[in-house]
Structure formats: C-alpha cells, structure tokens
PDB file of N, CA and C in Angstrom:
ATOM      1  N   MET A   1     119.318-128.387-174.059  1.00  0.00           N
ATOM      2  CA  MET A   1     118.188-127.511-174.292  1.00  0.00           C
ATOM      3  C   MET A   1     118.685-126.123-174.653  1.00  0.00           C
ATOM      4  N   LYS A   2     117.974-125.548-175.621  1.00  0.00           N
ATOM      5  CA  LYS A   2     118.295-124.201-176.057  1.00  0.00           C
ATOM      6  C   LYS A   2     117.035-123.349-175.921  1.00  0.00           C
ATOM      7  N   PHE A   3     117.238-122.104-175.532  1.00  0.00           N
ATOM      8  CA  PHE A   3     116.111-121.212-175.284  1.00  0.00           C
ATOM      9  C   PHE A   3     116.242-119.926-176.083  1.00  0.00           C
ATOM     10  N   LEU A   4     115.085-119.318-176.363  1.00  0.00           N
ATOM     11  CA  LEU A   4     115.010-118.025-177.024  1.00  0.00           C
ATOM     12  C   LEU A   4     114.129-117.125-176.173  1.00  0.00           C
ATOM     13  N   ALA A   5     114.731-116.098-175.596  1.00  0.00           N
ATOM     14  CA  ALA A   5     113.989-115.158-174.755  1.00  0.00           C
ATOM     15  C   ALA A   5     113.318-114.111-175.635  1.00  0.00           C
ATOM     16  N   ASP A   6     112.015-114.021-175.519  1.00  0.00           N
ATOM     17  CA  ASP A   6     111.253-113.004-176.232  1.00  0.00           C
ATOM     18  C   ASP A   6     111.713-111.632-175.732  1.00  0.00           C
ATOM     19  N   GLU A   7     111.383-110.602-176.489  1.00  0.00           N
ATOM     20  CA  GLU A   7     111.847-109.248-176.160  1.00  0.00           C
ATOM     21  C   GLU A   7     111.395-108.781-174.779  1.00  0.00           C
ATOM     22  N   ASN A   8     110.259-109.284-174.295  1.00  0.00           N
ATOM     23  CA  ASN A   8     109.737-108.845-173.001  1.00  0.00           C
ATOM     24  C   ASN A   8     110.326-109.619-171.818  1.00  0.00           C
ATOM     25  N   PHE A   9     111.150-110.618-172.079  1.00  0.00           N
ATOM     26  CA  PHE A   9     111.739-111.416-170.997  1.00  0.00           C
ATOM     27  C   PHE A   9     112.847-110.607-170.331  1.00  0.00           C
ATOM     28  N   PRO A  10     112.862-110.533-168.998  1.00  0.00           N
ATOM     29  CA  PRO A  10     113.799-109.636-168.298  1.00  0.00           C
ATOM     30  C   PRO A  10     115.273-109.933-168.580  1.00  0.00           C
ATOM     31  N   LYS A  11     116.002-108.877-168.912  1.00  0.00           N
ATOM     32  CA  LYS A  11     117.437-109.001-169.204  1.00  0.00           C
ATOM     33  C   LYS A  11     118.190-109.575-168.014  1.00  0.00           C
ATOM     34  N   ARG A  12     117.786-109.196-166.824  1.00  0.00           N
ATOM     35  CA  ARG A  12     118.453-109.713-165.618  1.00  0.00           C
ATOM     36  C   ARG A  12     118.340-111.238-165.549  1.00  0.00           C
ATOM     37  N   SER A  13     117.201-111.781-165.927  1.00  0.00           N
ATOM     38  CA  SER A  13     117.019-113.235-165.971  1.00  0.00           C
ATOM     39  C   SER A  13     117.889-113.858-167.057  1.00  0.00           C
ATOM     40  N   ILE A  14     117.931-113.227-168.209  1.00  0.00           N
ATOM     41  CA  ILE A  14     118.749-113.729-169.316  1.00  0.00           C
ATOM     42  C   ILE A  14     120.213-113.790-168.895  1.00  0.00           C
ATOM     43  N   ASP A  15     120.696-112.707-168.311  1.00  0.00           N
ATOM     44  CA  ASP A  15     122.100-112.662-167.876  1.00  0.00           C
ATOM     45  C   ASP A  15     122.395-113.742-166.842  1.00  0.00           C
ATOM     46  N   TRP A  16     121.477-113.937-165.900  1.00  0.00           N
ATOM     47  CA  TRP A  16     121.679-114.956-164.870  1.00  0.00           C
ATOM     48  C   TRP A  16     121.705-116.355-165.478  1.00  0.00           C
ATOM     49  N   LEU A  17     120.805-116.612-166.424  1.00  0.00           N
ATOM     50  CA  LEU A  17     120.780-117.920-167.092  1.00  0.00           C
ATOM     51  C   LEU A  17     122.085-118.167-167.850  1.00  0.00           C
ATOM     52  N   LYS A  18     122.596-117.145-168.502  1.00  0.00           N
ATOM     53  CA  LYS A  18     123.886-117.284-169.192  1.00  0.00           C
ATOM     54  C   LYS A  18     124.997-117.625-168.204  1.00  0.00           C
ATOM     55  N   GLU A  19     124.959-117.001-167.032  1.00  0.00           N
ATOM     56  CA  GLU A  19     125.959-117.296-165.998  1.00  0.00           C
ATOM     57  C   GLU A  19     125.865-118.751-165.531  1.00  0.00           C
ATOM     58  N   GLN A  20     124.687-119.350-165.656  1.00  0.00           N
ATOM     59  CA  GLN A  20     124.487-120.748-165.274  1.00  0.00           C
ATOM     60  C   GLN A  20     124.789-121.701-166.434  1.00  0.00           C
ATOM     61  N   ASN A  21     125.366-121.155-167.490  1.00  0.00           N
ATOM     62  CA  ASN A  21     125.716-121.927-168.697  1.00  0.00           C
ATOM     63  C   ASN A  21     124.502-122.500-169.429  1.00  0.00           C
ATOM     64  N   ILE A  22     123.394-121.787-169.375  1.00  0.00           N
ATOM     65  CA  ILE A  22     122.202-122.153-170.136  1.00  0.00           C
ATOM     66  C   ILE A  22     122.345-121.538-171.529  1.00  0.00           C
ATOM     67  N   ASP A  23     122.071-122.314-172.564  1.00  0.00           N
ATOM     68  CA  ASP A  23     122.151-121.835-173.941  1.00  0.00           C
ATOM     69  C   ASP A  23     120.896-121.005-174.212  1.00  0.00           C
ATOM     70  N   ILE A  24     121.057-119.681-174.159  1.00  0.00           N
ATOM     71  CA  ILE A  24     119.923-118.782-174.350  1.00  0.00           C
ATOM     72  C   ILE A  24     120.313-117.646-175.285  1.00  0.00           C
ATOM     73  N   SER A  25     119.430-117.407-176.242  1.00  0.00           N
ATOM     74  CA  SER A  25     119.573-116.292-177.166  1.00  0.00           C
ATOM     75  C   SER A  25     118.457-115.314-176.821  1.00  0.00           C
ATOM     76  N   SER A  26     118.704-114.033-177.049  1.00  0.00           N
ATOM     77  CA  SER A  26     117.735-113.021-176.650  1.00  0.00           C
ATOM     78  C   SER A  26     117.331-112.142-177.825  1.00  0.00           C
ATOM     79  N   ILE A  27     116.032-112.028-178.045  1.00  0.00           N
ATOM     80  CA  ILE A  27     115.523-111.141-179.087  1.00  0.00           C
ATOM     81  C   ILE A  27     115.955-109.704-178.803  1.00  0.00           C
ATOM     82  N   GLN A  28     116.016-109.312-177.527  1.00  0.00           N
ATOM     83  CA  GLN A  28     116.486-107.965-177.166  1.00  0.00           C
ATOM     84  C   GLN A  28     117.859-107.683-177.756  1.00  0.00           C
ATOM     85  N   GLU A  29     118.695-108.708-177.791  1.00  0.00           N
ATOM     86  CA  GLU A  29     120.079-108.538-178.241  1.00  0.00           C
ATOM     87  C   GLU A  29     120.251-108.742-179.742  1.00  0.00           C
ATOM     88  N   VAL A  30     119.493-109.673-180.335  1.00  0.00           N
ATOM     89  CA  VAL A  30     119.744-110.022-181.737  1.00  0.00           C
ATOM     90  C   VAL A  30     118.801-109.362-182.734  1.00  0.00           C
ATOM     91  N   SER A  31     117.551-109.126-182.366  1.00  0.00           N
ATOM     92  CA  SER A  31     116.580-108.563-183.317  1.00  0.00           C
ATOM     93  C   SER A  31     115.468-107.803-182.615  1.00  0.00           C
ATOM     94  N   PRO A  32     115.774-106.759-181.865  1.00  0.00           N
ATOM     95  CA  PRO A  32     114.708-106.049-181.156  1.00  0.00           C
ATOM     96  C   PRO A  32     113.653-105.499-182.119  1.00  0.00           C
ATOM     97  N   GLY A  33     112.399-105.585-181.684  1.00  0.00           N
ATOM     98  CA  GLY A  33     111.307-105.014-182.456  1.00  0.00           C
ATOM     99  C   GLY A  33     110.686-105.932-183.492  1.00  0.00           C
ATOM    100  N   ILE A  34     111.175-107.164-183.630  1.00  0.00           N
ATOM    101  CA  ILE A  34     110.589-108.058-184.632  1.00  0.00           C
ATOM    102  C   ILE A  34     109.230-108.571-184.159  1.00  0.00           C
ATOM    103  N   SER A  35     108.458-109.071-185.092  1.00  0.00           N
ATOM    104  CA  SER A  35     107.116-109.570-184.778  1.00  0.00           C
ATOM    105  C   SER A  35     107.187-110.925-184.070  1.00  0.00           C
ATOM    106  N   ASP A  36     106.080-111.283-183.433  1.00  0.00           N
ATOM    107  CA  ASP A  36     106.003-112.593-182.777  1.00  0.00           C
ATOM    108  C   ASP A  36     106.137-113.727-183.791  1.00  0.00           C
ATOM    109  N   ILE A  37     105.638-113.511-184.995  1.00  0.00           N
ATOM    110  CA  ILE A  37     105.779-114.536-186.039  1.00  0.00           C
ATOM    111  C   ILE A  37     107.256-114.757-186.350  1.00  0.00           C
ATOM    112  N   LYS A  38     108.027-113.680-186.438  1.00  0.00           N
ATOM    113  CA  LYS A  38     109.473-113.800-186.681  1.00  0.00           C
ATOM    114  C   LYS A  38     110.160-114.511-185.517  1.00  0.00           C
ATOM    115  N   VAL A  39     109.717-114.232-184.281  1.00  0.00           N
ATOM    116  CA  VAL A  39     110.280-114.915-183.113  1.00  0.00           C
ATOM    117  C   VAL A  39     110.033-116.421-183.248  1.00  0.00           C
ATOM    118  N   LEU A  40     108.819-116.792-183.622  1.00  0.00           N
ATOM    119  CA  LEU A  40     108.497-118.207-183.837  1.00  0.00           C
ATOM    120  C   LEU A  40     109.368-118.810-184.932  1.00  0.00           C
ATOM    121  N   GLU A  41     109.564-118.082-186.008  1.00  0.00           N
ATOM    122  CA  GLU A  41     110.392-118.588-187.111  1.00  0.00           C
ATOM    123  C   GLU A  41     111.828-118.843-186.649  1.00  0.00           C
ATOM    124  N   ILE A  42     112.382-117.935-185.843  1.00  0.00           N
ATOM    125  CA  ILE A  42     113.740-118.120-185.317  1.00  0.00           C
ATOM    126  C   ILE A  42     113.775-119.347-184.408  1.00  0.00           C
ATOM    127  N   ALA A  43     112.792-119.448-183.515  1.00  0.00           N
ATOM    128  CA  ALA A  43     112.746-120.587-182.590  1.00  0.00           C
ATOM    129  C   ALA A  43     112.665-121.907-183.353  1.00  0.00           C
ATOM    130  N   ILE A  44     111.865-121.939-184.392  1.00  0.00           N
ATOM    131  CA  ILE A  44     111.728-123.154-185.194  1.00  0.00           C
ATOM    132  C   ILE A  44     113.044-123.463-185.912  1.00  0.00           C
ATOM    133  N   ALA A  45     113.646-122.458-186.550  1.00  0.00           N
ATOM    134  CA  ALA A  45     114.885-122.661-187.306  1.00  0.00           C
ATOM    135  C   ALA A  45     116.042-123.107-186.413  1.00  0.00           C
ATOM    136  N   GLU A  46     116.082-122.600-185.174  1.00  0.00           N
ATOM    137  CA  GLU A  46     117.200-122.890-184.271  1.00  0.00           C
ATOM    138  C   GLU A  46     116.860-123.942-183.218  1.00  0.00           C
ATOM    139  N   SER A  47     115.673-124.520-183.283  1.00  0.00           N
ATOM    140  CA  SER A  47     115.204-125.515-182.303  1.00  0.00           C
ATOM    141  C   SER A  47     115.358-125.005-180.867  1.00  0.00           C
ATOM    142  N   ARG A  48     114.790-123.827-180.620  1.00  0.00           N
ATOM    143  CA  ARG A  48     114.860-123.204-179.296  1.00  0.00           C
ATOM    144  C   ARG A  48     113.472-123.116-178.673  1.00  0.00           C
ATOM    145  N   THR A  49     113.410-123.300-177.367  1.00  0.00           N
ATOM    146  CA  THR A  49     112.180-123.121-176.601  1.00  0.00           C
ATOM    147  C   THR A  49     112.016-121.634-176.326  1.00  0.00           C
ATOM    148  N   ILE A  50     110.857-121.081-176.668  1.00  0.00           N
ATOM    149  CA  ILE A  50     110.598-119.655-176.445  1.00  0.00           C
ATOM    150  C   ILE A  50     110.237-119.418-174.988  1.00  0.00           C
ATOM    151  N   LEU A  51     110.831-118.387-174.393  1.00  0.00           N
ATOM    152  CA  LEU A  51     110.490-117.917-173.049  1.00  0.00           C
ATOM    153  C   LEU A  51     109.815-116.564-173.218  1.00  0.00           C
ATOM    154  N   THR A  52     108.597-116.416-172.726  1.00  0.00           N
ATOM    155  CA  THR A  52     107.865-115.179-172.974  1.00  0.00           C
ATOM    156  C   THR A  52     106.924-114.816-171.834  1.00  0.00           C
ATOM    157  N   LEU A  53     106.544-113.553-171.819  1.00  0.00           N
ATOM    158  CA  LEU A  53     105.493-113.040-170.938  1.00  0.00           C
ATOM    159  C   LEU A  53     104.279-112.634-171.781  1.00  0.00           C
ATOM    160  N   ASP A  54     104.273-113.026-173.051  1.00  0.00           N
ATOM    161  CA  ASP A  54     103.291-112.606-174.038  1.00  0.00           C
ATOM    162  C   ASP A  54     102.329-113.748-174.373  1.00  0.00           C
ATOM    163  N   SER A  55     101.055-113.566-174.081  1.00  0.00           N
ATOM    164  CA  SER A  55     100.060-114.608-174.331  1.00  0.00           C
ATOM    165  C   SER A  55      99.750-114.798-175.816  1.00  0.00           C
ATOM    166  N   ASP A  56     100.189-113.888-176.667  1.00  0.00           N
ATOM    167  CA  ASP A  56      99.897-113.978-178.106  1.00  0.00           C
ATOM    168  C   ASP A  56     100.466-115.237-178.747  1.00  0.00           C
ATOM    169  N   PHE A  57     101.493-115.822-178.164  1.00  0.00           N
ATOM    170  CA  PHE A  57     102.079-117.017-178.758  1.00  0.00           C
ATOM    171  C   PHE A  57     101.089-118.175-178.778  1.00  0.00           C
ATOM    172  N   GLY A  58     100.229-118.251-177.791  1.00  0.00           N
ATOM    173  CA  GLY A  58      99.207-119.297-177.793  1.00  0.00           C
ATOM    174  C   GLY A  58      98.301-119.177-179.000  1.00  0.00           C
ATOM    175  N   THR A  59      97.896-117.964-179.322  1.00  0.00           N
ATOM    176  CA  THR A  59      97.056-117.727-180.496  1.00  0.00           C
ATOM    177  C   THR A  59      97.773-118.134-181.767  1.00  0.00           C
ATOM    178  N   LEU A  60      99.025-117.721-181.905  1.00  0.00           N
ATOM    179  CA  LEU A  60      99.782-118.046-183.116  1.00  0.00           C
ATOM    180  C   LEU A  60      99.963-119.552-183.275  1.00  0.00           C
ATOM    181  N   ILE A  61     100.253-120.212-182.183  1.00  0.00           N
ATOM    182  CA  ILE A  61     100.497-121.649-182.235  1.00  0.00           C
ATOM    183  C   ILE A  61      99.230-122.413-182.615  1.00  0.00           C
ATOM    184  N   PHE A  62      98.142-122.109-181.957  1.00  0.00           N
ATOM    185  CA  PHE A  62      96.940-122.909-182.142  1.00  0.00           C
ATOM    186  C   PHE A  62      96.039-122.443-183.286  1.00  0.00           C
ATOM    187  N   LYS A  63      96.076-121.170-183.640  1.00  0.00           N
ATOM    188  CA  LYS A  63      95.223-120.698-184.726  1.00  0.00           C
ATOM    189  C   LYS A  63      95.949-120.645-186.062  1.00  0.00           C
ATOM    190  N   LEU A  64      97.257-120.301-186.035  1.00  0.00           N
ATOM    191  CA  LEU A  64      98.007-120.205-187.287  1.00  0.00           C
ATOM    192  C   LEU A  64      98.846-121.450-187.544  1.00  0.00           C
ATOM    193  N   ASP A  65      98.779-122.393-186.620  1.00  0.00           N
ATOM    194  CA  ASP A  65      99.484-123.663-186.770  1.00  0.00           C
ATOM    195  C   ASP A  65     101.007-123.497-186.909  1.00  0.00           C
ATOM    196  N   MET A  66     101.556-122.525-186.199  1.00  0.00           N
ATOM    197  CA  MET A  66     103.012-122.344-186.144  1.00  0.00           C
ATOM    198  C   MET A  66     103.479-122.972-184.842  1.00  0.00           C
ATOM    199  N   LYS A  67     104.022-124.176-184.923  1.00  0.00           N
ATOM    200  CA  LYS A  67     104.291-124.961-183.732  1.00  0.00           C
ATOM    201  C   LYS A  67     105.783-125.292-183.601  1.00  0.00           C
ATOM    202  N   PRO A  68     106.492-124.503-182.799  1.00  0.00           N
ATOM    203  CA  PRO A  68     107.913-124.815-182.614  1.00  0.00           C
ATOM    204  C   PRO A  68     108.074-126.137-181.863  1.00  0.00           C
ATOM    205  N   LYS A  69     108.841-127.038-182.445  1.00  0.00           N
ATOM    206  CA  LYS A  69     109.008-128.363-181.838  1.00  0.00           C
ATOM    207  C   LYS A  69     109.560-128.269-180.411  1.00  0.00           C
ATOM    208  N   ALA A  70     110.449-127.308-180.168  1.00  0.00           N
ATOM    209  CA  ALA A  70     111.067-127.180-178.841  1.00  0.00           C
ATOM    210  C   ALA A  70     110.115-126.583-177.804  1.00  0.00           C
ATOM    211  N   GLY A  71     108.971-126.042-178.232  1.00  0.00           N
ATOM    212  CA  GLY A  71     107.956-125.566-177.303  1.00  0.00           C
ATOM    213  C   GLY A  71     108.031-124.094-176.939  1.00  0.00           C
ATOM    214  N   VAL A  72     107.064-123.694-176.121  1.00  0.00           N
ATOM    215  CA  VAL A  72     106.952-122.315-175.640  1.00  0.00           C
ATOM    216  C   VAL A  72     106.649-122.364-174.151  1.00  0.00           C
ATOM    217  N   ILE A  73     107.326-121.520-173.383  1.00  0.00           N
ATOM    218  CA  ILE A  73     107.017-121.370-171.963  1.00  0.00           C
ATOM    219  C   ILE A  73     106.510-119.950-171.759  1.00  0.00           C
ATOM    220  N   PHE A  74     105.246-119.846-171.359  1.00  0.00           N
ATOM    221  CA  PHE A  74     104.590-118.564-171.115  1.00  0.00           C
ATOM    222  C   PHE A  74     104.500-118.361-169.606  1.00  0.00           C
ATOM    223  N   PHE A  75     105.198-117.348-169.116  1.00  0.00           N
ATOM    224  CA  PHE A  75     105.164-117.000-167.696  1.00  0.00           C
ATOM    225  C   PHE A  75     104.031-116.000-167.506  1.00  0.00           C
ATOM    226  N   ARG A  76     102.928-116.469-166.915  1.00  0.00           N
ATOM    227  CA  ARG A  76     101.782-115.603-166.671  1.00  0.00           C
ATOM    228  C   ARG A  76     101.801-115.190-165.202  1.00  0.00           C
ATOM    229  N   LEU A  77     102.732-114.319-164.893  1.00  0.00           N
ATOM    230  CA  LEU A  77     102.903-113.852-163.521  1.00  0.00           C
ATOM    231  C   LEU A  77     102.730-112.342-163.500  1.00  0.00           C
ATOM    232  N   VAL A  78     101.984-111.842-162.530  1.00  0.00           N
ATOM    233  CA  VAL A  78     101.722-110.407-162.452  1.00  0.00           C
ATOM    234  C   VAL A  78     102.864-109.702-161.732  1.00  0.00           C
ATOM    235  N   GLU A  79     103.165-110.149-160.539  1.00  0.00           N
ATOM    236  CA  GLU A  79     104.246-109.544-159.764  1.00  0.00           C
ATOM    237  C   GLU A  79     105.344-110.576-159.568  1.00  0.00           C
ATOM    238  N   PHE A  80     106.571-110.190-159.909  1.00  0.00           N
ATOM    239  CA  PHE A  80     107.685-111.122-159.765  1.00  0.00           C
ATOM    240  C   PHE A  80     108.993-110.340-159.785  1.00  0.00           C
ATOM    241  N   ASP A  81     109.993-110.944-159.190  1.00  0.00           N
ATOM    242  CA  ASP A  81     111.353-110.447-159.321  1.00  0.00           C
ATOM    243  C   ASP A  81     111.892-111.066-160.605  1.00  0.00           C
ATOM    244  N   PRO A  82     112.611-110.328-161.440  1.00  0.00           N
ATOM    245  CA  PRO A  82     113.109-110.895-162.696  1.00  0.00           C
ATOM    246  C   PRO A  82     113.858-112.221-162.524  1.00  0.00           C
ATOM    247  N   LEU A  83     114.565-112.390-161.433  1.00  0.00           N
ATOM    248  CA  LEU A  83     115.299-113.641-161.224  1.00  0.00           C
ATOM    249  C   LEU A  83     114.375-114.818-160.927  1.00  0.00           C
ATOM    250  N   ASP A  84     113.150-114.545-160.490  1.00  0.00           N
ATOM    251  CA  ASP A  84     112.194-115.630-160.242  1.00  0.00           C
ATOM    252  C   ASP A  84     111.986-116.468-161.497  1.00  0.00           C
ATOM    253  N   LEU A  85     111.895-115.805-162.646  1.00  0.00           N
ATOM    254  CA  LEU A  85     111.643-116.518-163.896  1.00  0.00           C
ATOM    255  C   LEU A  85     112.777-117.483-164.221  1.00  0.00           C
ATOM    256  N   SER A  86     113.997-117.006-164.082  1.00  0.00           N
ATOM    257  CA  SER A  86     115.141-117.865-164.399  1.00  0.00           C
ATOM    258  C   SER A  86     115.270-119.007-163.403  1.00  0.00           C
ATOM    259  N   LYS A  87     114.951-118.758-162.166  1.00  0.00           N
ATOM    260  CA  LYS A  87     115.042-119.824-161.160  1.00  0.00           C
ATOM    261  C   LYS A  87     113.971-120.892-161.387  1.00  0.00           C
ATOM    262  N   ILE A  88     112.780-120.480-161.784  1.00  0.00           N
ATOM    263  CA  ILE A  88     111.730-121.438-162.116  1.00  0.00           C
ATOM    264  C   ILE A  88     112.184-122.296-163.294  1.00  0.00           C
ATOM    265  N   LEU A  89     112.757-121.666-164.302  1.00  0.00           N
ATOM    266  CA  LEU A  89     113.222-122.408-165.468  1.00  0.00           C
ATOM    267  C   LEU A  89     114.298-123.427-165.091  1.00  0.00           C
ATOM    268  N   VAL A  90     115.259-123.021-164.299  1.00  0.00           N
ATOM    269  CA  VAL A  90     116.324-123.947-163.886  1.00  0.00           C
ATOM    270  C   VAL A  90     115.747-125.113-163.096  1.00  0.00           C
ATOM    271  N   GLU A  91     114.768-124.849-162.236  1.00  0.00           N
ATOM    272  CA  GLU A  91     114.093-125.927-161.500  1.00  0.00           C
ATOM    273  C   GLU A  91     113.475-126.940-162.457  1.00  0.00           C
ATOM    274  N   LEU A  92     112.811-126.440-163.489  1.00  0.00           N
ATOM    275  CA  LEU A  92     112.182-127.328-164.466  1.00  0.00           C
ATOM    276  C   LEU A  92     113.232-128.140-165.228  1.00  0.00           C
ATOM    277  N   ILE A  93     114.329-127.511-165.582  1.00  0.00           N
ATOM    278  CA  ILE A  93     115.410-128.215-166.280  1.00  0.00           C
ATOM    279  C   ILE A  93     115.983-129.311-165.384  1.00  0.00           C
ATOM    280  N   GLU A  94     116.207-128.979-164.113  1.00  0.00           N
ATOM    281  CA  GLU A  94     116.767-129.956-163.171  1.00  0.00           C
ATOM    282  C   GLU A  94     115.827-131.146-162.959  1.00  0.00           C
ATOM    283  N   ARG A  95     114.519-130.926-163.127  1.00  0.00           N
ATOM    284  CA  ARG A  95     113.538-132.015-163.001  1.00  0.00           C
ATOM    285  C   ARG A  95     113.370-132.780-164.317  1.00  0.00           C
ATOM    286  N   ASN A  96     114.207-132.428-165.293  1.00  0.00           N
ATOM    287  CA  ASN A  96     114.163-133.059-166.621  1.00  0.00           C
ATOM    288  C   ASN A  96     112.812-132.903-167.311  1.00  0.00           C
ATOM    289  N   GLU A  97     112.179-131.772-167.081  1.00  0.00           N
ATOM    290  CA  GLU A  97     110.905-131.496-167.754  1.00  0.00           C
ATOM    291  C   GLU A  97     111.147-131.348-169.252  1.00  0.00           C
ATOM    292  N   SER A  98     110.203-131.799-170.034  1.00  0.00           N
ATOM    293  CA  SER A  98     110.269-131.639-171.482  1.00  0.00           C
ATOM    294  C   SER A  98     109.259-130.570-171.889  1.00  0.00           C
ATOM    295  N   PHE A  99     109.690-129.696-172.775  1.00  0.00           N
ATOM    296  CA  PHE A  99     108.811-128.642-173.279  1.00  0.00           C
ATOM    297  C   PHE A  99     108.432-128.911-174.734  1.00  0.00           C
ATOM    298  N   GLU A 100     108.957-129.995-175.268  1.00  0.00           N
ATOM    299  CA  GLU A 100     108.794-130.323-176.673  1.00  0.00           C
ATOM    300  C   GLU A 100     107.317-130.441-177.050  1.00  0.00           C
ATOM    301  N   ASN A 101     106.990-129.821-178.191  1.00  0.00           N
ATOM    302  CA  ASN A 101     105.620-129.848-178.728  1.00  0.00           C
ATOM    303  C   ASN A 101     104.575-129.457-177.689  1.00  0.00           C
ATOM    304  N   SER A 102     104.899-128.447-176.871  1.00  0.00           N
ATOM    305  CA  SER A 102     103.992-128.031-175.801  1.00  0.00           C
ATOM    306  C   SER A 102     103.992-126.521-175.611  1.00  0.00           C
ATOM    307  N   MET A 103     102.837-126.036-175.183  1.00  0.00           N
ATOM    308  CA  MET A 103     102.709-124.677-174.666  1.00  0.00           C
ATOM    309  C   MET A 103     102.613-124.853-173.163  1.00  0.00           C
ATOM    310  N   VAL A 104     103.626-124.397-172.446  1.00  0.00           N
ATOM    311  CA  VAL A 104     103.656-124.530-170.997  1.00  0.00           C
ATOM    312  C   VAL A 104     103.301-123.168-170.406  1.00  0.00           C
ATOM    313  N   VAL A 105     102.318-123.145-169.522  1.00  0.00           N
ATOM    314  CA  VAL A 105     101.881-121.899-168.890  1.00  0.00           C
ATOM    315  C   VAL A 105     102.197-121.991-167.411  1.00  0.00           C
ATOM    316  N   ILE A 106     102.978-121.023-166.951  1.00  0.00           N
ATOM    317  CA  ILE A 106     103.371-120.984-165.542  1.00  0.00           C
ATOM    318  C   ILE A 106     102.709-119.777-164.905  1.00  0.00           C
ATOM    319  N   ASP A 107     101.896-120.033-163.885  1.00  0.00           N
ATOM    320  CA  ASP A 107     101.323-118.927-163.129  1.00  0.00           C
ATOM    321  C   ASP A 107     101.662-119.107-161.655  1.00  0.00           C
ATOM    322  N   LYS A 108     101.088-118.275-160.844  1.00  0.00           N
ATOM    323  CA  LYS A 108     101.412-118.255-159.412  1.00  0.00           C
ATOM    324  C   LYS A 108     101.176-119.604-158.727  1.00  0.00           C
ATOM    325  N   ASN A 109     100.140-120.327-159.168  1.00  0.00           N
ATOM    326  CA  ASN A 109      99.740-121.547-158.471  1.00  0.00           C
ATOM    327  C   ASN A 109      99.986-122.855-159.213  1.00  0.00           C
ATOM    328  N   SER A 110     100.361-122.776-160.491  1.00  0.00           N
ATOM    329  CA  SER A 110     100.450-124.037-161.235  1.00  0.00           C
ATOM    330  C   SER A 110     101.346-123.934-162.463  1.00  0.00           C
ATOM    331  N   ILE A 111     101.642-125.098-162.996  1.00  0.00           N
ATOM    332  CA  ILE A 111     102.315-125.231-164.280  1.00  0.00           C
ATOM    333  C   ILE A 111     101.431-126.141-165.118  1.00  0.00           C
ATOM    334  N   ARG A 112     100.935-125.607-166.230  1.00  0.00           N
ATOM    335  CA  ARG A 112     100.062-126.380-167.097  1.00  0.00           C
ATOM    336  C   ARG A 112     100.744-126.595-168.446  1.00  0.00           C
ATOM    337  N   ARG A 113     100.521-127.738-169.015  1.00  0.00           N
ATOM    338  CA  ARG A 113     101.126-128.070-170.303  1.00  0.00           C
ATOM    339  C   ARG A 113     100.029-128.462-171.277  1.00  0.00           C
ATOM    340  N   ARG A 114     100.046-127.822-172.435  1.00  0.00           N
ATOM    341  CA  ARG A 114      99.105-128.181-173.497  1.00  0.00           C
ATOM    342  C   ARG A 114      99.926-128.650-174.693  1.00  0.00           C
ATOM    343  N   LYS A 115      99.804-129.930-174.981  1.00  0.00           N
ATOM    344  CA  LYS A 115     100.532-130.528-176.109  1.00  0.00           C
ATOM    345  C   LYS A 115      99.935-130.057-177.423  1.00  0.00           C
ATOM    346  N   TYR A 116     100.784-129.972-178.422  1.00  0.00           N
ATOM    347  CA  TYR A 116     100.294-129.696-179.780  1.00  0.00           C
ATOM    348  C   TYR A 116     101.000-130.578-180.782  1.00  0.00           C
TER     349      TYR A 116
END
C-alpha cells in the first residue's frame, strides 16, 4: 500500500509512518499549495491512497467523477494528537482493510466506507 498525505495531514504523523516503513509521500514536501484536483491527479497517477482532513475530496470524487482507485481516507476528527491518525492507519493496515475504490470516513465513533 502506498499513501499520499494531503497538505493538512500532520507532519508528525507522516514522519512516524515513514519510521514504520510505510510508503508515504507528502504534499507538504513535494508540492505545497497545489489544488485538491492536483492532489487527486497525483494519487491516481501514483496509485496512492489519499490521507486527508479535508472534506472537499468527497465532493470532487462524487460530483466531478475523479475517483482514485487506491481510495481516500478522510479523518473527520475535531480534537486529536497528530500521532492518533498514524496509529489508526496502521491498525487498519494490520487488519488488512482495503481502501480501494472507496471514500473511507473516520470519526470519533466509527469508520464508514462508501464505495465508488
């Protein structure tokens, strides 16, 4: 599995995931300031699952029909420690969860998956 951290994804989480040998690229590091459409284009071209705190990806996926095969994980959490996000992701990977062709929404009480 390969991941693409959106610009708003905490650097501390990205660094920790890299330490765990997770294949993750970061918009903060490679192309800061690009549009969400460009983020989707990179994810599609590189077959990476997007990690984001931005709900706009749902709109782009379902209204503009830009659907990255590797999926999108939207962390809809209000208060969190940056490492919480990376630990949740590792838990999902260890459970062999698939994000393919899905918008996965993680909030305080649930994990929901909407296939596309």
